[in-house]
N, C-alpha and C. Protein backbone atom coordinates (compact mmCIF):
# COMPACT_ATOMS: atom_id res chain seq x y z
N MET A 1 0.83 -1.19 0.00
CA MET A 1 0.00 0.00 0.00
C MET A 1 0.87 1.25 0.00
N ASP A 2 2.00 1.19 0.71
CA ASP A 2 2.88 2.35 0.75
C ASP A 2 3.42 2.69 -0.63
N THR A 3 3.77 1.66 -1.38
CA THR A 3 4.28 1.88 -2.74
C THR A 3 3.24 2.62 -3.58
N LEU A 4 2.00 2.21 -3.47
CA LEU A 4 0.94 2.86 -4.24
C LEU A 4 0.67 4.27 -3.75
N LYS A 5 0.72 4.47 -2.43
CA LYS A 5 0.49 5.81 -1.88
C LYS A 5 1.56 6.79 -2.31
N LEU A 6 2.76 6.29 -2.53
CA LEU A 6 3.86 7.15 -2.97
C LEU A 6 3.83 7.37 -4.48
N ASN A 7 2.76 6.93 -5.11
CA ASN A 7 2.59 7.05 -6.55
C ASN A 7 3.63 6.27 -7.35
N ILE A 8 4.15 5.21 -6.75
CA ILE A 8 5.04 4.31 -7.49
C ILE A 8 4.15 3.16 -7.96
N TYR A 9 3.28 3.48 -8.88
CA TYR A 9 2.31 2.49 -9.31
C TYR A 9 2.38 2.19 -10.78
N MET A 10 3.15 2.92 -11.48
CA MET A 10 3.08 2.81 -12.92
C MET A 10 3.86 1.64 -13.50
N LEU A 11 4.93 1.23 -12.86
CA LEU A 11 5.79 0.23 -13.47
C LEU A 11 5.59 -1.15 -12.85
N PHE A 12 5.43 -2.13 -13.71
CA PHE A 12 5.24 -3.52 -13.30
C PHE A 12 6.32 -3.97 -12.34
N ASP A 13 7.59 -3.69 -12.68
CA ASP A 13 8.69 -4.23 -11.89
C ASP A 13 8.82 -3.59 -10.50
N GLN A 14 8.06 -2.54 -10.23
CA GLN A 14 8.04 -1.96 -8.90
C GLN A 14 6.89 -2.49 -8.06
N VAL A 15 5.84 -2.94 -8.70
CA VAL A 15 4.66 -3.41 -7.98
C VAL A 15 4.68 -4.92 -7.79
N HIS A 16 5.01 -5.68 -8.81
CA HIS A 16 4.93 -7.14 -8.75
C HIS A 16 5.76 -7.76 -7.62
N PRO A 17 7.02 -7.37 -7.41
CA PRO A 17 7.79 -8.01 -6.34
C PRO A 17 7.16 -7.82 -4.95
N ALA A 18 6.63 -6.64 -4.68
CA ALA A 18 6.00 -6.39 -3.38
C ALA A 18 4.74 -7.25 -3.21
N LEU A 19 3.96 -7.39 -4.25
CA LEU A 19 2.76 -8.22 -4.18
C LEU A 19 3.11 -9.69 -4.04
N ALA A 20 4.12 -10.12 -4.75
CA ALA A 20 4.55 -11.52 -4.65
C ALA A 20 5.01 -11.84 -3.23
N ASP A 21 5.76 -10.94 -2.61
CA ASP A 21 6.20 -11.14 -1.23
C ASP A 21 5.00 -11.20 -0.28
N PHE A 22 4.04 -10.33 -0.51
CA PHE A 22 2.83 -10.30 0.31
C PHE A 22 2.08 -11.63 0.22
N LEU A 23 1.93 -12.15 -0.99
CA LEU A 23 1.21 -13.41 -1.18
C LEU A 23 1.97 -14.58 -0.54
N VAL A 24 3.28 -14.60 -0.66
CA VAL A 24 4.09 -15.64 -0.02
C VAL A 24 3.87 -15.61 1.49
N SER A 25 3.88 -14.42 2.06
CA SER A 25 3.65 -14.29 3.50
C SER A 25 2.26 -14.77 3.89
N LEU A 26 1.25 -14.40 3.11
CA LEU A 26 -0.10 -14.87 3.40
C LEU A 26 -0.19 -16.39 3.35
N ASN A 27 0.45 -16.99 2.37
CA ASN A 27 0.39 -18.44 2.21
C ASN A 27 1.11 -19.18 3.33
N LYS A 28 2.02 -18.54 4.00
CA LYS A 28 2.72 -19.16 5.13
C LYS A 28 1.84 -19.22 6.38
N LEU A 29 0.82 -18.39 6.44
CA LEU A 29 -0.07 -18.34 7.60
C LEU A 29 -1.13 -19.43 7.48
N THR A 30 -0.83 -20.58 8.03
CA THR A 30 -1.74 -21.71 7.93
C THR A 30 -2.99 -21.52 8.79
N ILE A 31 -2.99 -20.52 9.65
CA ILE A 31 -4.16 -20.27 10.49
C ILE A 31 -5.29 -19.59 9.72
N LEU A 32 -4.97 -19.09 8.53
CA LEU A 32 -6.00 -18.44 7.70
C LEU A 32 -6.69 -19.49 6.83
N PRO A 33 -8.00 -19.37 6.67
CA PRO A 33 -8.71 -20.33 5.81
C PRO A 33 -8.31 -20.15 4.35
N PRO A 34 -8.46 -21.18 3.55
CA PRO A 34 -8.09 -21.10 2.12
C PRO A 34 -8.84 -20.00 1.36
N ASP A 35 -10.04 -19.69 1.80
CA ASP A 35 -10.84 -18.67 1.10
C ASP A 35 -10.70 -17.29 1.76
N PHE A 36 -9.65 -17.10 2.53
CA PHE A 36 -9.42 -15.82 3.19
C PHE A 36 -9.40 -14.71 2.14
N GLU A 37 -10.10 -13.62 2.45
CA GLU A 37 -10.27 -12.52 1.49
C GLU A 37 -8.94 -12.01 0.94
N GLY A 38 -7.92 -11.95 1.75
CA GLY A 38 -6.62 -11.47 1.31
C GLY A 38 -6.02 -12.32 0.20
N ARG A 39 -6.23 -13.63 0.29
CA ARG A 39 -5.74 -14.52 -0.77
C ARG A 39 -6.58 -14.38 -2.03
N VAL A 40 -7.86 -14.32 -1.84
CA VAL A 40 -8.78 -14.22 -2.99
C VAL A 40 -8.50 -12.95 -3.78
N LYS A 41 -8.26 -11.86 -3.10
CA LYS A 41 -8.04 -10.58 -3.77
C LYS A 41 -6.67 -10.51 -4.45
N MET A 42 -5.80 -11.44 -4.20
CA MET A 42 -4.47 -11.40 -4.81
C MET A 42 -4.46 -12.00 -6.20
N LYS A 43 -5.62 -11.98 -6.84
CA LYS A 43 -5.68 -12.31 -8.27
C LYS A 43 -4.82 -11.33 -9.06
N TRP A 44 -4.43 -10.26 -8.39
CA TRP A 44 -3.56 -9.26 -9.01
C TRP A 44 -2.23 -9.86 -9.46
N ILE A 45 -1.73 -10.84 -8.73
CA ILE A 45 -0.45 -11.47 -9.09
C ILE A 45 -0.56 -12.08 -10.48
N SER A 46 -1.61 -12.84 -10.72
CA SER A 46 -1.74 -13.46 -12.05
C SER A 46 -1.99 -12.41 -13.12
N ARG A 47 -2.73 -11.38 -12.77
CA ARG A 47 -2.99 -10.29 -13.72
C ARG A 47 -1.68 -9.59 -14.09
N LEU A 48 -0.87 -9.29 -13.09
CA LEU A 48 0.40 -8.62 -13.36
C LEU A 48 1.40 -9.53 -14.05
N SER A 49 1.32 -10.83 -13.77
CA SER A 49 2.25 -11.77 -14.38
C SER A 49 2.09 -11.85 -15.89
N ARG A 50 0.93 -11.48 -16.37
CA ARG A 50 0.70 -11.48 -17.83
C ARG A 50 1.27 -10.23 -18.50
N MET A 51 1.74 -9.29 -17.69
CA MET A 51 2.28 -8.04 -18.24
C MET A 51 3.79 -8.19 -18.47
N GLY A 52 4.30 -7.37 -19.33
CA GLY A 52 5.74 -7.32 -19.55
C GLY A 52 6.39 -6.43 -18.50
N VAL A 53 7.69 -6.58 -18.33
CA VAL A 53 8.42 -5.82 -17.33
C VAL A 53 8.30 -4.31 -17.56
N ALA A 54 8.26 -3.90 -18.78
CA ALA A 54 8.18 -2.47 -19.09
C ALA A 54 6.75 -1.93 -19.12
N ASP A 55 5.77 -2.82 -18.94
CA ASP A 55 4.37 -2.38 -18.98
C ASP A 55 4.04 -1.54 -17.75
N GLU A 56 3.07 -0.67 -17.95
CA GLU A 56 2.62 0.20 -16.87
C GLU A 56 1.19 -0.16 -16.50
N ILE A 57 0.84 0.08 -15.22
CA ILE A 57 -0.55 -0.05 -14.82
C ILE A 57 -1.13 1.36 -14.76
N THR A 58 -2.41 1.43 -14.99
CA THR A 58 -3.07 2.73 -15.03
C THR A 58 -3.35 3.23 -13.62
N GLU A 59 -3.68 4.49 -13.53
CA GLU A 59 -4.05 5.05 -12.22
C GLU A 59 -5.30 4.36 -11.68
N GLN A 60 -6.23 4.03 -12.55
CA GLN A 60 -7.45 3.33 -12.13
C GLN A 60 -7.11 1.94 -11.57
N GLN A 61 -6.22 1.22 -12.24
CA GLN A 61 -5.79 -0.09 -11.74
C GLN A 61 -5.09 0.06 -10.39
N SER A 62 -4.28 1.09 -10.27
CA SER A 62 -3.57 1.34 -9.03
C SER A 62 -4.54 1.59 -7.88
N ARG A 63 -5.57 2.37 -8.15
CA ARG A 63 -6.56 2.67 -7.12
C ARG A 63 -7.31 1.41 -6.71
N LYS A 64 -7.67 0.57 -7.67
CA LYS A 64 -8.37 -0.69 -7.37
C LYS A 64 -7.46 -1.61 -6.58
N LEU A 65 -6.21 -1.70 -6.96
CA LEU A 65 -5.25 -2.54 -6.24
C LEU A 65 -5.11 -2.05 -4.80
N HIS A 66 -4.98 -0.75 -4.62
CA HIS A 66 -4.86 -0.18 -3.27
C HIS A 66 -6.10 -0.51 -2.44
N PHE A 67 -7.28 -0.40 -3.04
CA PHE A 67 -8.52 -0.73 -2.35
C PHE A 67 -8.52 -2.19 -1.93
N ASP A 68 -8.15 -3.09 -2.84
CA ASP A 68 -8.11 -4.53 -2.53
C ASP A 68 -7.11 -4.83 -1.42
N LEU A 69 -5.95 -4.21 -1.46
CA LEU A 69 -4.95 -4.43 -0.42
C LEU A 69 -5.44 -3.92 0.93
N GLU A 70 -6.04 -2.76 0.93
CA GLU A 70 -6.51 -2.20 2.19
C GLU A 70 -7.64 -3.04 2.79
N SER A 71 -8.56 -3.50 1.96
CA SER A 71 -9.64 -4.34 2.49
C SER A 71 -9.10 -5.70 2.95
N SER A 72 -8.09 -6.22 2.28
CA SER A 72 -7.45 -7.46 2.73
C SER A 72 -6.77 -7.27 4.07
N TYR A 73 -6.09 -6.16 4.23
CA TYR A 73 -5.43 -5.84 5.50
C TYR A 73 -6.46 -5.73 6.62
N ASN A 74 -7.56 -5.02 6.35
CA ASN A 74 -8.60 -4.87 7.36
C ASN A 74 -9.22 -6.22 7.74
N SER A 75 -9.43 -7.09 6.78
CA SER A 75 -9.95 -8.44 7.06
C SER A 75 -8.97 -9.23 7.91
N PHE A 76 -7.70 -9.09 7.62
CA PHE A 76 -6.67 -9.77 8.41
C PHE A 76 -6.69 -9.29 9.85
N MET A 77 -6.79 -7.98 10.04
CA MET A 77 -6.79 -7.42 11.39
C MET A 77 -8.04 -7.85 12.17
N VAL A 78 -9.16 -7.96 11.50
CA VAL A 78 -10.39 -8.43 12.15
C VAL A 78 -10.26 -9.90 12.53
N ALA A 79 -9.59 -10.68 11.70
CA ALA A 79 -9.46 -12.10 11.94
C ALA A 79 -8.49 -12.42 13.09
N LEU A 80 -7.53 -11.55 13.35
CA LEU A 80 -6.53 -11.83 14.38
C LEU A 80 -7.10 -12.15 15.75
N PRO A 81 -8.04 -11.38 16.29
CA PRO A 81 -8.55 -11.70 17.62
C PRO A 81 -9.23 -13.06 17.68
N ASN A 82 -9.74 -13.54 16.59
CA ASN A 82 -10.44 -14.83 16.56
C ASN A 82 -9.49 -16.03 16.65
N PHE A 83 -8.23 -15.84 16.36
CA PHE A 83 -7.28 -16.96 16.36
C PHE A 83 -6.86 -17.35 17.78
N GLY A 84 -6.91 -16.43 18.70
CA GLY A 84 -6.49 -16.72 20.06
C GLY A 84 -7.53 -17.47 20.86
N SER A 85 -8.77 -17.50 20.40
CA SER A 85 -9.83 -18.13 21.18
C SER A 85 -10.13 -19.53 20.73
């Protein structure tokens, strides 16, 4: 989200590595269900993987990606208290 907020959203090679790291981290959390919203919303990885390294994403795509990341983060934070019980 920070990358997008700093307006570093245009280049594939600046966005894809951060998203890939995020998805790897999510997949390591076995306490999350397979249909966890954060995983479902990371369809962005496959979408970006079809792009070339020099391709750019639009401002509209950047805004949608930021929205999906923020809602995934909020879902994760809501889910945390439920894991301890």
